[in-house]
């Protein structure tokens, strides 16, 4: 789909469902952009690489209409799809799904920088304005740290940056954080988004904790690096705490490091269903951010996502901004 066709498709799109009140003590609802969801269809003839049929919770179609029914009544007006497949043609599949539902405002695809076909593939998919970047990290047997010595990999990420697209990183650990520090040294114009940081295990060793903290401190000083407050919930001795008090210290740490301008809301739907239903996770972070005041909540729930992703506004419920 080229830009002209896309604009023709979405011109005149309008909201059919009003936003729910989020209880801010303010009559105006705050629109929510969910920066991390996954789409897949387990009923496709070719199947899906993830999840597997053994996963009784996740192994069912996760498509925009199902997401809309869950998220829209809670005030979510748009979502960014993050790849859930290493298959190149699934980039197109996700874009095709997104074209059919205006709740999708962006797509983070899956391509391999440093490979011969990367630039050709990037050129193909970025023709669609919904394509906002790629994901690379601890996923699909790929290793960001191991690629830093590959000149072609670095050159391709410079191309990604020049195109105004982002790099999402997958499943952080201290090695990945160190690699992001080195990468942003070498490609300082590349916007990098670290996902699921609340879930990163914290070492019990003092030296390891200090090293990890040093990486985070360095990254916190780089305005092109954003962090998703996604995968906040944890399972503890077979149960998932619902009380904000259990998670507050970790959230305080991330807010203290990256500040109100660099943190993004992400549900990780439907992967989040492994912990608790969508609304529980949303309301937990909502309760936390409410305590910081409406301006901070607006940044967290949508304004920062504009800076990070430059997503595409597709209907009247989605907040307007100058791109």
Protein backbone atom coordinates (compact mmCIF):
# COMPACT_ATOMS: atom_id res chain seq x y z
CA UNK A 1 0.00 0.00 0.00
CA UNK A 2 1.49 3.38 -0.98
CA UNK A 3 0.95 6.64 0.88
CA UNK A 4 -1.73 7.91 -1.52
CA UNK A 5 -3.77 4.71 -1.24
CA UNK A 6 -3.39 4.70 2.52
CA UNK A 7 -4.64 8.27 2.88
CA UNK A 8 -7.57 7.49 0.64
CA UNK A 9 -8.42 4.51 2.80
CA UNK A 10 -8.37 6.41 6.08
CA UNK A 11 -9.73 9.82 5.01
CA UNK A 12 -12.99 10.49 6.73
CA UNK A 13 -12.57 7.79 9.35
CA UNK A 14 -14.48 8.72 12.48
CA UNK A 15 -15.05 7.40 15.96
CA UNK A 16 -18.09 5.25 16.66
CA UNK A 17 -17.56 4.71 20.37
CA UNK A 18 -17.02 7.39 22.95
CA UNK A 19 -14.10 7.33 25.38
CA UNK A 20 -14.72 6.01 28.85
CA UNK A 21 -14.11 8.22 31.86
CA UNK A 22 -10.89 7.26 33.61
CA UNK A 23 -11.73 8.89 36.93
CA UNK A 24 -9.09 11.63 36.93
CA UNK A 25 -11.24 14.18 38.76
CA UNK A 26 -11.36 16.02 35.42
CA UNK A 27 -14.27 15.81 32.99
CA UNK A 28 -11.94 15.45 30.04
CA UNK A 29 -10.79 11.90 29.42
CA UNK A 30 -7.15 11.31 28.60
CA UNK A 31 -6.76 9.35 25.37
CA UNK A 32 -4.52 6.31 25.61
CA UNK A 33 -2.11 5.08 22.95
CA UNK A 34 -1.02 1.53 23.71
CA UNK A 35 2.51 1.20 22.34
CA UNK A 36 2.87 -2.56 22.60
CA UNK A 37 0.39 -5.14 21.36
CA UNK A 38 0.81 -8.26 19.22
CA UNK A 39 -1.35 -9.57 16.38
CA UNK A 40 -1.45 -13.11 15.06
CA UNK A 41 -3.99 -15.56 13.68
CA UNK A 42 -3.64 -19.13 14.90
CA UNK A 43 -6.21 -20.24 12.31
CA UNK A 44 -4.06 -19.34 9.30
CA UNK A 45 -3.22 -22.30 7.06
CA UNK A 46 0.52 -21.69 7.60
CA UNK A 47 0.08 -21.31 11.35
CA UNK A 48 2.15 -18.93 13.46
CA UNK A 49 5.68 -19.17 14.90
CA UNK A 50 4.34 -17.88 18.23
CA UNK A 51 2.45 -18.79 20.37
CA UNK A 52 2.50 -22.56 20.21
CA UNK A 53 -0.56 -24.83 20.42
CA UNK A 54 0.62 -25.90 23.88
CA UNK A 55 -0.08 -22.40 25.19
CA UNK A 56 -3.68 -22.70 26.38
CA UNK A 57 -3.92 -19.02 27.28
CA UNK A 58 -2.49 -17.40 24.16
CA UNK A 59 -3.21 -19.86 21.36
CA UNK A 60 -6.24 -18.17 19.82
CA UNK A 61 -6.55 -15.44 17.18
CA UNK A 62 -5.37 -12.03 18.39
CA UNK A 63 -6.77 -9.59 15.83
CA UNK A 64 -7.71 -5.90 15.89
CA UNK A 65 -11.44 -6.43 16.42
CA UNK A 66 -10.82 -8.53 19.53
CA UNK A 67 -8.36 -5.96 20.87
CA UNK A 68 -10.75 -3.07 20.18
CA UNK A 69 -13.55 -4.72 22.16
CA UNK A 70 -11.26 -5.15 25.17
CA UNK A 71 -9.34 -1.87 25.08
CA UNK A 72 -11.66 0.79 23.68
CA UNK A 73 -14.14 0.78 26.60
CA UNK A 74 -11.16 1.54 28.87
CA UNK A 75 -10.17 4.68 26.98
CA UNK A 76 -7.61 3.23 24.55
CA UNK A 77 -7.94 5.02 21.22
CA UNK A 78 -4.95 3.63 19.32
CA UNK A 79 -2.31 0.93 19.44
CA UNK A 80 1.08 0.12 17.96
CA UNK A 81 1.59 -3.47 16.86
CA UNK A 82 4.98 -5.01 17.63
CA UNK A 83 6.05 -8.02 15.56
CA UNK A 84 5.33 -11.49 16.87
CA UNK A 85 6.97 -13.40 14.02
CA UNK A 86 10.41 -13.66 12.36
CA UNK A 87 8.82 -14.37 8.96
CA UNK A 88 9.44 -11.48 6.57
CA UNK A 89 6.04 -11.74 4.90
CA UNK A 90 4.35 -11.37 8.27
CA UNK A 91 5.35 -7.71 8.12
CA UNK A 92 2.91 -7.41 5.24
CA UNK A 93 0.33 -9.54 7.02
CA UNK A 94 0.34 -7.19 10.02
CA UNK A 95 0.13 -4.12 7.77
CA UNK A 96 -2.84 -5.68 5.98
CA UNK A 97 -4.59 -6.30 9.31
CA UNK A 98 -3.84 -2.72 10.39
CA UNK A 99 -5.31 -1.30 7.19
CA UNK A 100 -8.67 -2.79 8.12
CA UNK A 101 -8.99 -1.18 11.56
CA UNK A 102 -8.18 2.41 12.47
CA UNK A 103 -7.38 1.48 16.08
CA UNK A 104 -3.92 0.50 14.77
CA UNK A 105 -1.80 3.64 14.46
CA UNK A 106 1.61 2.05 13.87
CA UNK A 107 3.49 -1.18 13.20
CA UNK A 108 6.94 -2.21 14.41
CA UNK A 109 8.10 -4.92 12.03
CA UNK A 110 10.73 -7.59 11.94
CA UNK A 111 13.72 -7.30 9.61
CA UNK A 112 17.39 -8.23 10.02
CA UNK A 113 19.88 -5.35 9.67
CA UNK A 114 23.22 -6.48 8.32
CA UNK A 115 21.74 -8.97 5.86
CA UNK A 116 21.87 -8.48 2.06
CA UNK A 117 18.13 -7.91 1.61
CA UNK A 118 17.58 -5.57 4.54
CA UNK A 119 17.54 -2.28 2.65
CA UNK A 120 15.34 -3.63 -0.11
CA UNK A 121 12.89 -4.99 2.44
CA UNK A 122 12.96 -1.78 4.47
CA UNK A 123 12.24 0.27 1.36
CA UNK A 124 9.29 -1.98 0.57
CA UNK A 125 7.61 -1.81 3.96
CA UNK A 126 8.33 1.81 4.83
CA UNK A 127 6.25 2.87 1.84
CA UNK A 128 3.33 2.22 4.14
CA UNK A 129 3.17 5.13 6.62
CA UNK A 130 2.01 2.77 9.38
CA UNK A 131 5.42 1.07 9.34
CA UNK A 132 7.26 2.85 12.14
CA UNK A 133 10.40 0.75 12.67
CA UNK A 134 11.77 -2.68 13.52
CA UNK A 135 12.43 -4.81 16.59
CA UNK A 136 15.76 -6.45 17.38
CA UNK A 137 17.13 -7.90 20.58
CA UNK A 138 16.84 -11.04 22.66
CA UNK A 139 14.33 -12.73 20.40
CA UNK A 140 14.32 -15.18 17.47
CA UNK A 141 17.91 -16.25 18.28
CA UNK A 142 19.28 -12.81 17.50
CA UNK A 143 21.90 -10.97 19.46
CA UNK A 144 22.26 -7.20 19.29
CA UNK A 145 25.54 -7.25 21.23
CA UNK A 146 27.01 -9.80 18.83
CA UNK A 147 26.17 -7.63 15.82
CA UNK A 148 27.92 -4.47 16.97
CA UNK A 149 31.17 -5.56 15.31
CA UNK A 150 29.35 -6.02 11.98
CA UNK A 151 29.84 -2.86 9.85
CA UNK A 152 26.86 -3.75 7.66
CA UNK A 153 24.61 -3.97 10.71
CA UNK A 154 25.63 -0.51 11.93
CA UNK A 155 25.32 0.93 8.43
CA UNK A 156 21.80 -0.47 8.10
CA UNK A 157 20.76 1.04 11.42
CA UNK A 158 22.05 4.39 10.21
CA UNK A 159 19.72 3.96 7.23
CA UNK A 160 16.89 3.19 9.63
CA UNK A 161 17.64 6.37 11.57
CA UNK A 162 17.83 8.45 8.39
CA UNK A 163 14.38 7.18 7.46
CA UNK A 164 13.03 8.48 10.77
CA UNK A 165 12.17 4.99 11.96
CA UNK A 166 12.74 3.44 15.38
CA UNK A 167 14.49 0.43 16.84
CA UNK A 168 12.50 -1.43 19.50
CA UNK A 169 14.64 -3.75 21.60
CA UNK A 170 13.35 -7.07 22.89
CA UNK A 171 13.49 -8.55 26.38
CA UNK A 172 16.17 -6.54 28.22
CA UNK A 173 19.00 -7.89 30.31
CA UNK A 174 22.32 -6.26 31.32
CA UNK A 175 24.07 -7.48 28.16
CA UNK A 176 21.40 -5.90 25.97
CA UNK A 177 21.55 -2.64 27.93
CA UNK A 178 25.32 -2.51 27.41
CA UNK A 179 24.78 -3.10 23.69
CA UNK A 180 22.24 -0.27 23.52
CA UNK A 181 24.78 2.06 25.13
CA UNK A 182 27.34 1.14 22.47
CA UNK A 183 24.80 1.34 19.65
CA UNK A 184 23.60 4.80 20.63
CA UNK A 185 27.24 5.90 20.79
CA UNK A 186 27.67 4.82 17.18
CA UNK A 187 24.26 5.81 15.80
CA UNK A 188 23.23 8.74 18.01
CA UNK A 189 20.36 9.82 15.74
CA UNK A 190 18.55 6.49 16.06
CA UNK A 191 15.50 6.52 18.33
CA UNK A 192 15.64 3.42 20.53
CA UNK A 193 12.76 2.08 22.60
CA UNK A 194 13.46 -0.39 25.40
CA UNK A 195 10.48 -2.61 26.07
CA UNK A 196 9.46 -4.59 29.17
CA UNK A 197 12.08 -2.98 31.41
CA UNK A 198 9.99 -3.50 34.58
CA UNK A 199 10.32 -7.27 34.04
CA UNK A 200 14.11 -7.30 33.77
CA UNK A 201 15.52 -9.50 36.56
CA UNK A 202 17.56 -7.69 39.18
CA UNK A 203 20.76 -9.45 40.19
CA UNK A 204 21.34 -10.28 43.83
CA UNK A 205 25.04 -9.49 43.41
CA UNK A 206 26.05 -5.98 44.36
CA UNK A 207 28.63 -5.57 41.58
CA UNK A 208 26.19 -6.75 38.90
CA UNK A 209 23.47 -4.40 40.18
CA UNK A 210 25.87 -1.45 40.09
CA UNK A 211 26.91 -2.28 36.53
CA UNK A 212 23.31 -2.51 35.36
CA UNK A 213 22.48 0.74 37.13
CA UNK A 214 25.39 2.41 35.36
CA UNK A 215 24.03 1.31 31.97
CA UNK A 216 20.59 2.64 32.85
CA UNK A 217 22.05 5.89 34.11
CA UNK A 218 23.95 6.38 30.85
CA UNK A 219 20.87 5.63 28.75
CA UNK A 220 18.77 7.97 30.86
CA UNK A 221 20.99 10.83 29.67
CA UNK A 222 20.24 10.12 25.99
CA UNK A 223 17.04 11.86 24.89
CA UNK A 224 16.55 9.53 21.92
CA UNK A 225 16.11 6.51 24.22
CA UNK A 226 12.60 5.73 25.47
CA UNK A 227 11.34 3.08 27.86
CA UNK A 228 8.05 1.19 27.82
CA UNK A 229 6.38 0.58 31.14
CA UNK A 230 5.19 -2.80 29.89
CA UNK A 231 5.13 -6.23 31.53
CA UNK A 232 4.80 -4.57 34.92
CA UNK A 233 3.00 -7.50 36.54
CA UNK A 234 4.93 -10.36 38.13
CA UNK A 235 4.08 -13.81 39.38
CA UNK A 236 5.17 -14.34 42.97
CA UNK A 237 4.88 -17.79 44.51
CA UNK A 238 2.11 -18.73 42.11
CA UNK A 239 0.06 -15.54 42.39
CA UNK A 240 0.15 -12.14 40.69
CA UNK A 241 -0.09 -9.20 43.12
CA UNK A 242 -2.73 -6.65 42.14
CA UNK A 243 -1.69 -3.98 44.62
CA UNK A 244 0.28 -1.00 43.37
CA UNK A 245 2.35 -1.09 46.54
CA UNK A 246 4.11 -4.22 45.30
CA UNK A 247 5.27 -2.52 42.07
CA UNK A 248 5.74 1.06 43.23
CA UNK A 249 9.47 0.88 44.02
CA UNK A 250 10.32 -0.38 40.53
CA UNK A 251 8.11 2.23 38.87
CA UNK A 252 9.63 4.96 41.05
CA UNK A 253 13.09 3.85 39.96
CA UNK A 254 12.26 4.06 36.25
CA UNK A 255 10.49 7.40 36.59
CA UNK A 256 13.44 8.69 38.59
CA UNK A 257 15.87 7.66 35.87
CA UNK A 258 14.04 8.49 32.64
CA UNK A 259 11.60 11.15 33.80
CA UNK A 260 8.13 12.01 32.64
CA UNK A 261 9.14 12.71 29.03
CA UNK A 262 10.59 9.33 28.09
CA UNK A 263 8.22 6.68 29.44
CA UNK A 264 5.46 5.05 27.40
CA UNK A 265 2.40 2.95 28.19
CA UNK A 266 2.36 -0.56 26.71
CA UNK A 267 -0.03 -3.37 27.59
CA UNK A 268 1.79 -6.27 25.88
CA UNK A 269 -1.63 -7.67 24.91
CA UNK A 270 -2.40 -10.54 24.52
CA UNK A 271 0.82 -11.76 26.16
CA UNK A 272 -0.35 -9.87 29.26
CA UNK A 273 -3.17 -12.40 29.65
CA UNK A 274 -0.60 -14.77 31.14
CA UNK A 275 -0.62 -12.58 34.23
CA UNK A 276 -3.97 -10.82 34.63
CA UNK A 277 -6.71 -9.39 32.38
CA UNK A 278 -5.99 -6.27 30.33
CA UNK A 279 -7.98 -3.90 32.55
CA UNK A 280 -6.09 -4.89 35.72
CA UNK A 281 -2.69 -3.99 34.28
CA UNK A 282 -3.98 -0.74 32.81
CA UNK A 283 -5.65 0.42 35.99
CA UNK A 284 -2.57 -0.38 38.06
CA UNK A 285 -0.33 1.95 36.04
CA UNK A 286 -3.17 4.44 35.79
CA UNK A 287 -3.36 4.59 39.59
CA UNK A 288 0.38 5.16 39.75
CA UNK A 289 0.49 7.92 37.13
CA UNK A 290 -2.62 9.66 38.49
CA UNK A 291 -0.60 10.46 41.59
CA UNK A 292 1.79 12.51 39.46
CA UNK A 293 -0.90 14.79 38.05
CA UNK A 294 -2.70 15.14 34.75
CA UNK A 295 0.19 16.66 32.71
CA UNK A 296 2.42 13.68 33.52
CA UNK A 297 -0.39 11.24 32.76
CA UNK A 298 -0.98 12.85 29.36
CA UNK A 299 2.68 12.46 28.51
CA UNK A 300 2.78 8.86 29.62
CA UNK A 301 -0.45 7.75 27.96
CA UNK A 302 -0.02 9.47 24.59
CA UNK A 303 2.22 12.52 24.16
CA UNK A 304 5.52 10.68 24.61
CA UNK A 305 4.41 8.06 22.08
CA UNK A 306 4.15 10.81 19.47
CA UNK A 307 7.79 11.76 19.98
CA UNK A 308 8.92 8.16 20.06
CA UNK A 309 6.96 6.70 17.15
CA UNK A 310 5.43 9.58 15.16
CA UNK A 311 2.41 7.34 14.68
CA UNK A 312 -0.39 7.93 12.20
CA UNK A 313 -3.63 9.55 13.37
CA UNK A 314 -6.47 7.62 11.76
CA UNK A 315 -9.70 8.73 13.40
CA UNK A 316 -11.21 11.55 15.41
CA UNK A 317 -10.84 9.85 18.80
CA UNK A 318 -7.07 9.92 18.46
CA UNK A 319 -5.36 13.08 19.69
CA UNK A 320 -4.19 15.49 17.02
CA UNK A 321 -0.58 16.57 16.85
CA UNK A 322 1.75 18.28 14.41
CA UNK A 323 4.08 15.69 12.93
